[in-house]
Amino acid sequence: MTEPTGPVLVVIPTYDERDNLGTVLTRLHAAVPAADVLVVDDASPDGTGELADAMAADDPRIRVLHRPKKAGLGAAYLAGFTAALSGDHQVIVEMDADGSHAPEDLPALLAALEDADLVLGSRYVPGGAVCNWPAHREWISRGGNLYSRLALGVSIQDITGGYRVFRRQVLEELDLDDVSSQGYCFQVDVAWRAVQAGFRVREVPITFTDRERGTSKMSSGIVGEAFWRVTCWGANRLLRRSRSRDDAVSGARFVHD
């Protein structure tokens, strides 16, 4: 596969992130000056969208996609991916706006595309770390990742993480119109689709730092959705494997007879 060409596009969804967005974009452009940014704002009542517009007016690397209402992280990323694929960027990045994803880690993630199609910023591989997170949040995260690995039969250590770098081809070939999941589940869904499609997935250690300003969007509903959907996907995977074994046995018996 050819190496990525052209600047990267960093997709950053926002909802009430006015206190964080400016700092994150300043750090991002210090780390990767050539990166373009697409802020996807879900009609933030705190004025995040207006701040993003003002920043875009002063910096041609920044664009803003305004959505009419809050519709979930997954929907915001899908809107951003669709916009990204309408242009000519060859590398698309997912990054949170709250500062938990250090822009200074992005050069290492981009470098890892040399032998990967999807690079995951991972908290749970050697060298990765979590800072200032409440214990219960880390337990939920680690438990969700363990459950996803067992249910889906994948070796990814941090399949729920949201700091990611895609080659354009991955997003072009995955059936994104069929993705309806949100939150943790959205991240699991897209990564698992990439694995099933045969793309090379690599994890690179990052340091995840809990937000200092603003409020987390995590909720029990998001966790519940992830548990339910992963359980269904895992059950379907086992059912397909069982049917494949049955077909193989039946075929062998037919040939023998």
Protein backbone atom coordinates (compact mmCIF):
# COMPACT_ATOMS: atom_id res chain seq x y z
CA MET A 1 0.00 0.00 0.00
CA THR A 2 1.29 3.49 -0.79
CA GLU A 3 2.28 5.85 1.99
CA PRO A 4 -0.19 8.59 3.00
CA THR A 5 0.22 11.88 1.18
CA GLY A 6 -1.02 15.38 1.93
CA PRO A 7 -1.80 16.88 5.33
CA VAL A 8 -3.84 15.04 7.90
CA LEU A 9 -7.33 16.06 8.95
CA VAL A 10 -8.05 15.92 12.67
CA VAL A 11 -11.77 15.49 13.42
CA ILE A 12 -12.68 16.92 16.84
CA PRO A 13 -16.30 16.61 18.02
CA THR A 14 -17.41 19.20 20.56
CA TYR A 15 -20.26 19.81 22.96
CA ASP A 16 -19.70 22.47 25.63
CA GLU A 17 -15.92 22.51 25.24
CA ARG A 18 -15.34 26.27 25.02
CA ASP A 19 -12.88 26.20 27.91
CA ASN A 20 -10.76 23.47 26.31
CA LEU A 21 -10.89 23.89 22.53
CA GLY A 22 -8.49 26.80 22.13
CA THR A 23 -5.76 25.17 24.20
CA VAL A 24 -6.13 21.84 22.43
CA LEU A 25 -5.87 23.40 18.96
CA THR A 26 -2.84 25.47 19.95
CA ARG A 27 -1.08 22.36 21.25
CA LEU A 28 -2.13 20.37 18.18
CA HIS A 29 -0.65 22.85 15.73
CA ALA A 30 2.54 23.06 17.79
CA ALA A 31 2.87 19.27 17.55
CA VAL A 32 1.76 18.87 13.89
CA PRO A 33 1.82 22.28 12.18
CA ALA A 34 0.54 20.95 8.83
CA ALA A 35 -2.57 19.32 10.30
CA ASP A 36 -5.97 20.55 9.19
CA VAL A 37 -8.77 20.47 11.75
CA LEU A 38 -12.49 19.88 11.43
CA VAL A 39 -14.44 20.86 14.54
CA VAL A 40 -17.83 19.11 14.60
CA ASP A 41 -20.01 21.05 17.03
CA ASP A 42 -23.39 19.79 18.19
CA ALA A 43 -24.97 23.20 18.85
CA SER A 44 -23.07 23.70 22.11
CA PRO A 45 -25.03 26.07 24.36
CA ASP A 46 -21.80 27.40 25.90
CA GLY A 47 -20.66 29.01 22.63
CA THR A 48 -18.08 26.43 21.56
CA GLY A 49 -19.29 26.66 17.96
CA GLU A 50 -18.93 30.44 17.90
CA LEU A 51 -15.40 30.17 19.32
CA ALA A 52 -14.52 27.60 16.66
CA ASP A 53 -15.88 29.93 13.95
CA ALA A 54 -13.71 32.77 15.26
CA MET A 55 -10.63 30.54 15.26
CA ALA A 56 -11.42 29.32 11.75
CA ALA A 57 -11.68 32.91 10.53
CA ASP A 58 -8.10 33.49 11.69
CA ASP A 59 -6.59 30.15 10.65
CA PRO A 60 -7.21 28.49 7.27
CA ARG A 61 -6.26 25.12 8.75
CA ILE A 62 -9.44 25.11 10.86
CA ARG A 63 -12.95 24.39 9.60
CA VAL A 64 -16.21 24.00 11.50
CA LEU A 65 -19.16 21.70 10.87
CA HIS A 66 -22.25 22.81 12.77
CA ARG A 67 -24.88 20.21 13.60
CA PRO A 68 -28.39 21.20 14.73
CA LYS A 69 -28.43 19.36 18.06
CA LYS A 70 -26.57 16.97 20.32
CA ALA A 71 -26.87 13.55 18.73
CA GLY A 72 -24.05 11.53 20.27
CA LEU A 73 -20.34 11.03 19.75
CA GLY A 74 -20.70 8.35 17.10
CA ALA A 75 -23.00 10.45 14.94
CA ALA A 76 -20.63 13.42 15.24
CA TYR A 77 -17.64 11.35 14.13
CA LEU A 78 -19.58 9.85 11.23
CA ALA A 79 -20.52 13.34 10.07
CA GLY A 80 -16.87 14.34 10.35
CA PHE A 81 -15.70 11.28 8.43
CA THR A 82 -18.19 11.97 5.65
CA ALA A 83 -16.93 15.53 5.38
CA ALA A 84 -13.32 14.31 5.42
CA LEU A 85 -13.93 11.88 2.56
CA SER A 86 -15.39 14.67 0.46
CA GLY A 87 -11.92 16.23 0.40
CA ASP A 88 -8.50 14.86 -0.49
CA HIS A 89 -6.95 14.18 2.91
CA GLN A 90 -5.28 10.78 3.03
CA VAL A 91 -5.09 10.52 6.83
CA ILE A 92 -8.01 11.17 9.20
CA VAL A 93 -7.57 11.45 12.96
CA GLU A 94 -10.04 11.11 15.85
CA MET A 95 -9.26 13.29 18.86
CA ASP A 96 -11.25 14.47 21.87
CA ALA A 97 -11.56 18.19 22.57
CA ASP A 98 -11.21 17.96 26.36
CA GLY A 99 -7.43 17.59 26.52
CA SER A 100 -7.46 13.91 27.50
CA HIS A 101 -5.76 13.04 24.20
CA ALA A 102 -2.37 14.72 24.23
CA PRO A 103 -1.68 16.34 20.84
CA GLU A 104 2.00 15.76 21.57
CA ASP A 105 1.37 12.01 21.08
CA LEU A 106 0.05 12.50 17.55
CA PRO A 107 3.42 12.44 15.71
CA ALA A 108 4.07 8.93 17.06
CA LEU A 109 0.61 7.77 15.99
CA LEU A 110 1.13 9.17 12.50
CA ALA A 111 4.56 7.53 12.21
CA ALA A 112 2.99 4.16 13.03
CA LEU A 113 0.99 4.31 9.79
CA GLU A 114 4.16 3.15 8.05
CA ASP A 115 3.10 -0.43 8.70
CA ALA A 116 -0.57 -0.07 9.65
CA ASP A 117 -3.91 1.04 8.25
CA LEU A 118 -5.49 1.99 11.57
CA VAL A 119 -3.44 3.16 14.54
CA LEU A 120 -5.02 3.16 17.99
CA GLY A 121 -3.70 5.34 20.78
CA SER A 122 -3.66 2.81 23.61
CA ARG A 123 -3.77 3.32 27.34
CA TYR A 124 -3.30 -0.36 28.09
CA VAL A 125 -0.24 -1.50 26.15
CA PRO A 126 3.26 -1.23 27.68
CA GLY A 127 4.15 2.46 27.88
CA GLY A 128 0.53 3.59 28.00
CA ALA A 129 -0.92 5.27 31.07
CA VAL A 130 -4.02 6.83 32.61
CA CYS A 131 -3.68 9.94 34.78
CA ASN A 132 -6.14 11.56 37.20
CA TRP A 133 -9.02 9.24 36.35
CA PRO A 134 -11.40 8.17 39.14
CA ALA A 135 -10.87 4.51 40.00
CA HIS A 136 -14.39 3.51 38.97
CA ARG A 137 -13.92 5.02 35.49
CA GLU A 138 -10.74 3.03 34.95
CA TRP A 139 -12.41 -0.17 36.18
CA ILE A 140 -15.27 0.37 33.74
CA SER A 141 -12.82 1.03 30.90
CA ARG A 142 -10.57 -1.93 31.62
CA GLY A 143 -13.56 -4.20 32.16
CA GLY A 144 -15.14 -3.08 28.90
CA ASN A 145 -11.96 -3.75 26.99
CA LEU A 146 -11.51 -7.20 28.54
CA TYR A 147 -15.11 -8.12 27.82
CA SER A 148 -14.83 -6.89 24.22
CA ARG A 149 -11.65 -8.91 23.64
CA LEU A 150 -13.27 -12.08 24.94
CA ALA A 151 -16.61 -11.58 23.19
CA LEU A 152 -15.20 -10.59 19.81
CA GLY A 153 -12.05 -12.70 19.79
CA VAL A 154 -9.69 -9.78 19.14
CA SER A 155 -6.30 -9.07 20.71
CA ILE A 156 -6.66 -5.27 20.82
CA GLN A 157 -5.92 -4.07 24.36
CA ASP A 158 -7.72 -0.72 24.08
CA ILE A 159 -10.56 -1.16 21.62
CA THR A 160 -12.73 1.45 23.37
CA GLY A 161 -10.22 4.30 23.09
CA GLY A 162 -11.05 7.33 20.94
CA TYR A 163 -7.60 8.57 19.85
CA ARG A 164 -7.13 7.05 16.40
CA VAL A 165 -5.47 7.55 13.04
CA PHE A 166 -7.03 6.10 9.87
CA ARG A 167 -5.72 5.74 6.38
CA ARG A 168 -8.38 7.12 4.08
CA GLN A 169 -8.94 3.71 2.50
CA VAL A 170 -10.18 2.25 5.78
CA LEU A 171 -13.03 4.74 6.07
CA GLU A 172 -13.80 4.42 2.36
CA GLU A 173 -14.15 0.64 2.52
CA LEU A 174 -15.96 0.22 5.83
CA ASP A 175 -19.76 0.40 5.65
CA LEU A 176 -20.06 3.50 7.80
CA ASP A 177 -23.72 3.96 6.84
CA ASP A 178 -24.43 0.81 8.85
CA VAL A 179 -22.79 2.14 12.03
CA SER A 180 -25.36 3.43 14.52
CA SER A 181 -23.61 2.86 17.84
CA GLN A 182 -22.42 5.62 20.17
CA GLY A 183 -19.75 6.30 22.81
CA TYR A 184 -17.54 3.38 23.80
CA CYS A 185 -19.57 1.19 21.48
CA PHE A 186 -18.85 3.33 18.44
CA GLN A 187 -15.13 2.88 18.97
CA VAL A 188 -15.49 -0.88 19.39
CA ASP A 189 -17.73 -1.11 16.33
CA VAL A 190 -15.38 0.69 13.95
CA ALA A 191 -12.22 -1.07 15.15
CA TRP A 192 -13.85 -4.50 14.93
CA ARG A 193 -15.09 -3.76 11.41
CA ALA A 194 -11.54 -2.83 10.43
CA VAL A 195 -10.21 -6.11 11.86
CA GLN A 196 -12.89 -8.14 10.07
CA ALA A 197 -12.10 -6.35 6.80
CA GLY A 198 -8.46 -7.43 7.06
CA PHE A 199 -6.91 -4.02 7.72
CA ARG A 200 -3.70 -3.83 9.73
CA VAL A 201 -4.42 -2.46 13.20
CA ARG A 202 -1.61 -1.31 15.46
CA GLU A 203 -1.64 0.06 19.01
CA VAL A 204 0.73 2.80 20.13
CA PRO A 205 1.02 3.80 23.80
CA ILE A 206 -0.42 7.13 24.89
CA THR A 207 -0.90 8.91 28.19
CA PHE A 208 -4.57 9.61 28.80
CA THR A 209 -5.22 12.47 31.22
CA ASP A 210 -8.66 13.14 32.64
CA ARG A 211 -10.19 16.48 31.70
CA GLU A 212 -9.42 19.43 33.99
CA ARG A 213 -12.32 21.61 32.83
CA GLY A 214 -15.88 20.80 31.85
CA THR A 215 -18.04 17.75 32.42
CA SER A 216 -17.60 14.23 31.10
CA LYS A 217 -20.27 13.06 28.63
CA MET A 218 -20.05 9.46 29.88
CA SER A 219 -23.31 7.98 31.17
CA SER A 220 -24.76 4.67 32.30
CA GLY A 221 -26.73 4.56 29.06
CA ILE A 222 -23.54 4.64 26.99
CA VAL A 223 -22.02 1.82 29.06
CA GLY A 224 -25.22 -0.19 28.82
CA GLU A 225 -25.37 0.21 25.04
CA ALA A 226 -21.79 -0.99 24.72
CA PHE A 227 -22.41 -4.08 26.86
CA TRP A 228 -25.57 -5.02 24.95
CA ARG A 229 -24.19 -4.50 21.47
CA VAL A 230 -20.87 -6.26 22.15
CA THR A 231 -22.78 -9.18 23.65
CA CYS A 232 -24.93 -9.43 20.51
CA TRP A 233 -21.91 -9.20 18.20
CA GLY A 234 -20.08 -11.84 20.21
CA ALA A 235 -23.07 -14.18 20.16
CA ASN A 236 -23.42 -13.78 16.39
CA ARG A 237 -19.69 -14.48 15.97
CA LEU A 238 -19.98 -17.72 17.93
CA LEU A 239 -23.10 -18.69 15.98
CA ARG A 240 -21.31 -18.18 12.67
CA ARG A 241 -18.36 -20.26 13.86
CA SER A 242 -20.71 -23.04 14.97
CA ARG A 243 -22.49 -23.05 11.62
CA SER A 244 -19.16 -23.12 9.77
CA ARG A 245 -18.06 -26.16 11.78
CA ASP A 246 -21.38 -27.88 11.14
CA ASP A 247 -21.10 -27.18 7.41
CA ALA A 248 -17.55 -28.51 7.37
CA VAL A 249 -18.61 -31.69 9.16
CA SER A 250 -21.59 -32.19 6.85
CA GLY A 251 -19.40 -31.68 3.81
CA ALA A 252 -16.87 -34.18 5.05
CA ARG A 253 -19.55 -36.77 5.64
CA PHE A 254 -21.01 -36.17 2.19
CA VAL A 255 -17.63 -36.69 0.53
CA HIS A 256 -17.00 -39.80 2.61
CA ASP A 257 -20.36 -41.32 1.71
